[in-house]
Amino acid sequence: MNEVALRWSSRKFWAAMVWQTVLVWLLATGRLPVAAFESLTWLLLGGYFVGNIGQKWLLKGES
């Protein structure tokens, strides 16, 4: 599988997309304040970033 296909089939990526969709829906329906939306979005992005870096670091250690 090529790199683009691997990136788009990542469980971390799709989990982040699903949770971001939930956050946007909650914001749009007025159930989530803007400040909470911003904080949760930053946490989601940070978790995704740390997960990717951690995975690359662990896989590099196996080689």
PDB file of N, CA and C in Angstrom:
ATOM      1  N   MET A   1       0.858  -1.180   0.000  1.00  0.00           N
ATOM      2  CA  MET A   1       0.000   0.000   0.000  1.00  0.00           C
ATOM      3  C   MET A   1       0.900   1.238   0.000  1.00  0.00           C
ATOM      4  N   ASN A   2       0.562   2.219  -0.827  1.00  0.00           N
ATOM      5  CA  ASN A   2       1.399   3.419  -0.894  1.00  0.00           C
ATOM      6  C   ASN A   2       1.167   4.324   0.312  1.00  0.00           C
ATOM      7  N   GLU A   3       2.021   5.336   0.442  1.00  0.00           N
ATOM      8  CA  GLU A   3       1.991   6.198   1.636  1.00  0.00           C
ATOM      9  C   GLU A   3       0.669   6.957   1.777  1.00  0.00           C
ATOM     10  N   VAL A   4       0.118   7.433   0.672  1.00  0.00           N
ATOM     11  CA  VAL A   4      -1.147   8.177   0.728  1.00  0.00           C
ATOM     12  C   VAL A   4      -2.278   7.259   1.196  1.00  0.00           C
ATOM     13  N   ALA A   5      -2.332   6.064   0.662  1.00  0.00           N
ATOM     14  CA  ALA A   5      -3.374   5.114   1.071  1.00  0.00           C
ATOM     15  C   ALA A   5      -3.216   4.739   2.537  1.00  0.00           C
ATOM     16  N   LEU A   6      -1.985   4.562   2.995  1.00  0.00           N
ATOM     17  CA  LEU A   6      -1.753   4.253   4.408  1.00  0.00           C
ATOM     18  C   LEU A   6      -2.213   5.393   5.302  1.00  0.00           C
ATOM     19  N   ARG A   7      -1.929   6.619   4.891  1.00  0.00           N
ATOM     20  CA  ARG A   7      -2.306   7.777   5.699  1.00  0.00           C
ATOM     21  C   ARG A   7      -3.824   7.902   5.813  1.00  0.00           C
ATOM     22  N   TRP A   8      -4.538   7.689   4.720  1.00  0.00           N
ATOM     23  CA  TRP A   8      -5.993   7.843   4.734  1.00  0.00           C
ATOM     24  C   TRP A   8      -6.706   6.645   5.348  1.00  0.00           C
ATOM     25  N   SER A   9      -6.005   5.529   5.531  1.00  0.00           N
ATOM     26  CA  SER A   9      -6.642   4.362   6.140  1.00  0.00           C
ATOM     27  C   SER A   9      -6.272   4.205   7.614  1.00  0.00           C
ATOM     28  N   SER A  10      -5.588   5.185   8.167  1.00  0.00           N
ATOM     29  CA  SER A  10      -5.152   5.129   9.561  1.00  0.00           C
ATOM     30  C   SER A  10      -6.339   5.208  10.519  1.00  0.00           C
ATOM     31  N   ARG A  11      -6.356   4.323  11.507  1.00  0.00           N
ATOM     32  CA  ARG A  11      -7.426   4.364  12.515  1.00  0.00           C
ATOM     33  C   ARG A  11      -7.347   5.638  13.338  1.00  0.00           C
ATOM     34  N   LYS A  12      -6.127   6.107  13.620  1.00  0.00           N
ATOM     35  CA  LYS A  12      -5.981   7.365  14.374  1.00  0.00           C
ATOM     36  C   LYS A  12      -6.598   8.520  13.599  1.00  0.00           C
ATOM     37  N   PHE A  13      -6.349   8.568  12.301  1.00  0.00           N
ATOM     38  CA  PHE A  13      -6.884   9.645  11.474  1.00  0.00           C
ATOM     39  C   PHE A  13      -8.411   9.630  11.492  1.00  0.00           C
ATOM     40  N   TRP A  14      -9.008   8.470  11.259  1.00  0.00           N
ATOM     41  CA  TRP A  14     -10.471   8.399  11.203  1.00  0.00           C
ATOM     42  C   TRP A  14     -11.101   8.622  12.565  1.00  0.00           C
ATOM     43  N   ALA A  15     -10.444   8.182  13.626  1.00  0.00           N
ATOM     44  CA  ALA A  15     -10.965   8.461  14.973  1.00  0.00           C
ATOM     45  C   ALA A  15     -10.961   9.964  15.228  1.00  0.00           C
ATOM     46  N   ALA A  16      -9.879  10.634  14.829  1.00  0.00           N
ATOM     47  CA  ALA A  16      -9.803  12.090  14.998  1.00  0.00           C
ATOM     48  C   ALA A  16     -10.885  12.787  14.175  1.00  0.00           C
ATOM     49  N   MET A  17     -11.124  12.315  12.950  1.00  0.00           N
ATOM     50  CA  MET A  17     -12.151  12.926  12.104  1.00  0.00           C
ATOM     51  C   MET A  17     -13.545  12.736  12.705  1.00  0.00           C
ATOM     52  N   VAL A  18     -13.821  11.557  13.219  1.00  0.00           N
ATOM     53  CA  VAL A  18     -15.133  11.296  13.821  1.00  0.00           C
ATOM     54  C   VAL A  18     -15.339  12.197  15.032  1.00  0.00           C
ATOM     55  N   TRP A  19     -14.332  12.277  15.915  1.00  0.00           N
ATOM     56  CA  TRP A  19     -14.478  13.107  17.112  1.00  0.00           C
ATOM     57  C   TRP A  19     -14.577  14.586  16.761  1.00  0.00           C
ATOM     58  N   GLN A  20     -13.850  15.026  15.738  1.00  0.00           N
ATOM     59  CA  GLN A  20     -13.959  16.428  15.336  1.00  0.00           C
ATOM     60  C   GLN A  20     -15.349  16.710  14.779  1.00  0.00           C
ATOM     61  N   THR A  21     -15.915  15.759  14.047  1.00  0.00           N
ATOM     62  CA  THR A  21     -17.277  15.910  13.537  1.00  0.00           C
ATOM     63  C   THR A  21     -18.274  16.017  14.690  1.00  0.00           C
ATOM     64  N   VAL A  22     -18.093  15.202  15.711  1.00  0.00           N
ATOM     65  CA  VAL A  22     -18.964  15.273  16.892  1.00  0.00           C
ATOM     66  C   VAL A  22     -18.838  16.640  17.557  1.00  0.00           C
ATOM     67  N   LEU A  23     -17.605  17.132  17.700  1.00  0.00           N
ATOM     68  CA  LEU A  23     -17.396  18.439  18.323  1.00  0.00           C
ATOM     69  C   LEU A  23     -18.046  19.558  17.508  1.00  0.00           C
ATOM     70  N   VAL A  24     -17.919  19.498  16.194  1.00  0.00           N
ATOM     71  CA  VAL A  24     -18.536  20.515  15.333  1.00  0.00           C
ATOM     72  C   VAL A  24     -20.055  20.452  15.455  1.00  0.00           C
ATOM     73  N   TRP A  25     -20.611  19.249  15.485  1.00  0.00           N
ATOM     74  CA  TRP A  25     -22.060  19.102  15.632  1.00  0.00           C
ATOM     75  C   TRP A  25     -22.531  19.677  16.969  1.00  0.00           C
ATOM     76  N   LEU A  26     -21.799  19.366  18.043  1.00  0.00           N
ATOM     77  CA  LEU A  26     -22.166  19.910  19.357  1.00  0.00           C
ATOM     78  C   LEU A  26     -22.085  21.434  19.370  1.00  0.00           C
ATOM     79  N   LEU A  27     -21.073  21.985  18.718  1.00  0.00           N
ATOM     80  CA  LEU A  27     -20.934  23.438  18.632  1.00  0.00           C
ATOM     81  C   LEU A  27     -22.087  24.038  17.827  1.00  0.00           C
ATOM     82  N   ALA A  28     -22.399  23.427  16.688  1.00  0.00           N
ATOM     83  CA  ALA A  28     -23.445  23.954  15.810  1.00  0.00           C
ATOM     84  C   ALA A  28     -24.827  23.898  16.457  1.00  0.00           C
ATOM     85  N   THR A  29     -25.055  22.910  17.302  1.00  0.00           N
ATOM     86  CA  THR A  29     -26.360  22.789  17.954  1.00  0.00           C
ATOM     87  C   THR A  29     -26.430  23.569  19.259  1.00  0.00           C
ATOM     88  N   GLY A  30     -25.355  24.237  19.620  1.00  0.00           N
ATOM     89  CA  GLY A  30     -25.354  25.069  20.813  1.00  0.00           C
ATOM     90  C   GLY A  30     -25.137  24.323  22.116  1.00  0.00           C
ATOM     91  N   ARG A  31     -24.719  23.083  22.024  1.00  0.00           N
ATOM     92  CA  ARG A  31     -24.503  22.278  23.237  1.00  0.00           C
ATOM     93  C   ARG A  31     -23.078  22.367  23.759  1.00  0.00           C
ATOM     94  N   LEU A  32     -22.209  23.031  23.013  1.00  0.00           N
ATOM     95  CA  LEU A  32     -20.806  23.145  23.403  1.00  0.00           C
ATOM     96  C   LEU A  32     -20.370  24.594  23.229  1.00  0.00           C
ATOM     97  N   PRO A  33     -19.885  25.223  24.290  1.00  0.00           N
ATOM     98  CA  PRO A  33     -19.420  26.608  24.162  1.00  0.00           C
ATOM     99  C   PRO A  33     -18.183  26.694  23.257  1.00  0.00           C
ATOM    100  N   VAL A  34     -17.989  27.844  22.661  1.00  0.00           N
ATOM    101  CA  VAL A  34     -16.869  28.045  21.737  1.00  0.00           C
ATOM    102  C   VAL A  34     -15.533  27.792  22.425  1.00  0.00           C
ATOM    103  N   ALA A  35     -15.372  28.272  23.654  1.00  0.00           N
ATOM    104  CA  ALA A  35     -14.102  28.081  24.368  1.00  0.00           C
ATOM    105  C   ALA A  35     -13.812  26.596  24.582  1.00  0.00           C
ATOM    106  N   ALA A  36     -14.831  25.824  24.921  1.00  0.00           N
ATOM    107  CA  ALA A  36     -14.648  24.379  25.107  1.00  0.00           C
ATOM    108  C   ALA A  36     -14.319  23.712  23.773  1.00  0.00           C
ATOM    109  N   PHE A  37     -14.990  24.153  22.704  1.00  0.00           N
ATOM    110  CA  PHE A  37     -14.711  23.610  21.374  1.00  0.00           C
ATOM    111  C   PHE A  37     -13.258  23.840  20.990  1.00  0.00           C
ATOM    112  N   GLU A  38     -12.773  25.053  21.209  1.00  0.00           N
ATOM    113  CA  GLU A  38     -11.382  25.361  20.874  1.00  0.00           C
ATOM    114  C   GLU A  38     -10.416  24.508  21.684  1.00  0.00           C
ATOM    115  N   SER A  39     -10.660  24.396  22.969  1.00  0.00           N
ATOM    116  CA  SER A  39      -9.773  23.603  23.829  1.00  0.00           C
ATOM    117  C   SER A  39      -9.778  22.132  23.429  1.00  0.00           C
ATOM    118  N   LEU A  40     -10.962  21.586  23.195  1.00  0.00           N
ATOM    119  CA  LEU A  40     -11.052  20.178  22.822  1.00  0.00           C
ATOM    120  C   LEU A  40     -10.438  19.912  21.452  1.00  0.00           C
ATOM    121  N   THR A  41     -10.580  20.861  20.534  1.00  0.00           N
ATOM    122  CA  THR A  41      -9.964  20.701  19.219  1.00  0.00           C
ATOM    123  C   THR A  41      -8.446  20.686  19.335  1.00  0.00           C
ATOM    124  N   TRP A  42      -7.885  21.590  20.142  1.00  0.00           N
ATOM    125  CA  TRP A  42      -6.429  21.593  20.344  1.00  0.00           C
ATOM    126  C   TRP A  42      -5.960  20.299  21.000  1.00  0.00           C
ATOM    127  N   LEU A  43      -6.719  19.798  21.970  1.00  0.00           N
ATOM    128  CA  LEU A  43      -6.357  18.529  22.612  1.00  0.00           C
ATOM    129  C   LEU A  43      -6.423  17.369  21.621  1.00  0.00           C
ATOM    130  N   LEU A  44      -7.434  17.374  20.768  1.00  0.00           N
ATOM    131  CA  LEU A  44      -7.574  16.329  19.760  1.00  0.00           C
ATOM    132  C   LEU A  44      -6.407  16.363  18.781  1.00  0.00           C
ATOM    133  N   LEU A  45      -6.069  17.553  18.304  1.00  0.00           N
ATOM    134  CA  LEU A  45      -4.935  17.678  17.386  1.00  0.00           C
ATOM    135  C   LEU A  45      -3.628  17.284  18.059  1.00  0.00           C
ATOM    136  N   GLY A  46      -3.452  17.702  19.306  1.00  0.00           N
ATOM    137  CA  GLY A  46      -2.243  17.347  20.045  1.00  0.00           C
ATOM    138  C   GLY A  46      -2.127  15.852  20.251  1.00  0.00           C
ATOM    139  N   GLY A  47      -3.229  15.211  20.600  1.00  0.00           N
ATOM    140  CA  GLY A  47      -3.219  13.761  20.775  1.00  0.00           C
ATOM    141  C   GLY A  47      -2.912  13.031  19.482  1.00  0.00           C
ATOM    142  N   TYR A  48      -3.464  13.512  18.386  1.00  0.00           N
ATOM    143  CA  TYR A  48      -3.195  12.913  17.079  1.00  0.00           C
ATOM    144  C   TYR A  48      -1.718  13.064  16.719  1.00  0.00           C
ATOM    145  N   PHE A  49      -1.179  14.259  16.945  1.00  0.00           N
ATOM    146  CA  PHE A  49       0.226  14.528  16.648  1.00  0.00           C
ATOM    147  C   PHE A  49       1.136  13.646  17.501  1.00  0.00           C
ATOM    148  N   VAL A  50       0.888  13.604  18.804  1.00  0.00           N
ATOM    149  CA  VAL A  50       1.712  12.793  19.711  1.00  0.00           C
ATOM    150  C   VAL A  50       1.598  11.309  19.349  1.00  0.00           C
ATOM    151  N   GLY A  51       0.406  10.866  18.983  1.00  0.00           N
ATOM    152  CA  GLY A  51       0.227   9.472  18.572  1.00  0.00           C
ATOM    153  C   GLY A  51       1.036   9.127  17.338  1.00  0.00           C
ATOM    154  N   ASN A  52       1.047  10.023  16.362  1.00  0.00           N
ATOM    155  CA  ASN A  52       1.828   9.778  15.146  1.00  0.00           C
ATOM    156  C   ASN A  52       3.320   9.784  15.424  1.00  0.00           C
ATOM    157  N   ILE A  53       3.783  10.756  16.203  1.00  0.00           N
ATOM    158  CA  ILE A  53       5.210  10.829  16.526  1.00  0.00           C
ATOM    159  C   ILE A  53       5.619   9.602  17.337  1.00  0.00           C
ATOM    160  N   GLY A  54       4.803   9.226  18.306  1.00  0.00           N
ATOM    161  CA  GLY A  54       5.099   8.043  19.118  1.00  0.00           C
ATOM    162  C   GLY A  54       5.160   6.775  18.284  1.00  0.00           C
ATOM    163  N   GLN A  55       4.231   6.636  17.353  1.00  0.00           N
ATOM    164  CA  GLN A  55       4.225   5.458  16.493  1.00  0.00           C
ATOM    165  C   GLN A  55       5.477   5.414  15.629  1.00  0.00           C
ATOM    166  N   LYS A  56       5.850   6.541  15.033  1.00  0.00           N
ATOM    167  CA  LYS A  56       7.059   6.572  14.200  1.00  0.00           C
ATOM    168  C   LYS A  56       8.297   6.263  15.030  1.00  0.00           C
ATOM    169  N   TRP A  57       8.344   6.786  16.256  1.00  0.00           N
ATOM    170  CA  TRP A  57       9.484   6.551  17.132  1.00  0.00           C
ATOM    171  C   TRP A  57       9.581   5.067  17.498  1.00  0.00           C
ATOM    172  N   LEU A  58       8.440   4.453  17.822  1.00  0.00           N
ATOM    173  CA  LEU A  58       8.442   3.032  18.168  1.00  0.00           C
ATOM    174  C   LEU A  58       8.808   2.160  16.973  1.00  0.00           C
ATOM    175  N   LEU A  59       8.286   2.502  15.797  1.00  0.00           N
ATOM    176  CA  LEU A  59       8.606   1.715  14.607  1.00  0.00           C
ATOM    177  C   LEU A  59      10.064   1.883  14.204  1.00  0.00           C
ATOM    178  N   LYS A  60      10.623   3.059  14.424  1.00  0.00           N
ATOM    179  CA  LYS A  60      12.033   3.287  14.117  1.00  0.00           C
ATOM    180  C   LYS A  60      12.911   2.442  15.036  1.00  0.00           C
ATOM    181  N   GLY A  61      12.493   2.275  16.285  1.00  0.00           N
ATOM    182  CA  GLY A  61      13.243   1.474  17.243  1.00  0.00           C
ATOM    183  C   GLY A  61      13.253  -0.008  16.898  1.00  0.00           C
ATOM    184  N   GLU A  62      12.235  -0.478  16.159  1.00  0.00           N
ATOM    185  CA  GLU A  62      12.165  -1.885  15.773  1.00  0.00           C
ATOM    186  C   GLU A  62      13.125  -2.222  14.647  1.00  0.00           C
ATOM    187  N   SER A  63      13.497  -1.241  13.834  1.00  0.00           N
ATOM    188  CA  SER A  63      14.354  -1.517  12.675  1.00  0.00           C
ATOM    189  C   SER A  63      15.790  -1.687  13.035  1.00  0.00           C
TER     190      SER A  63
END
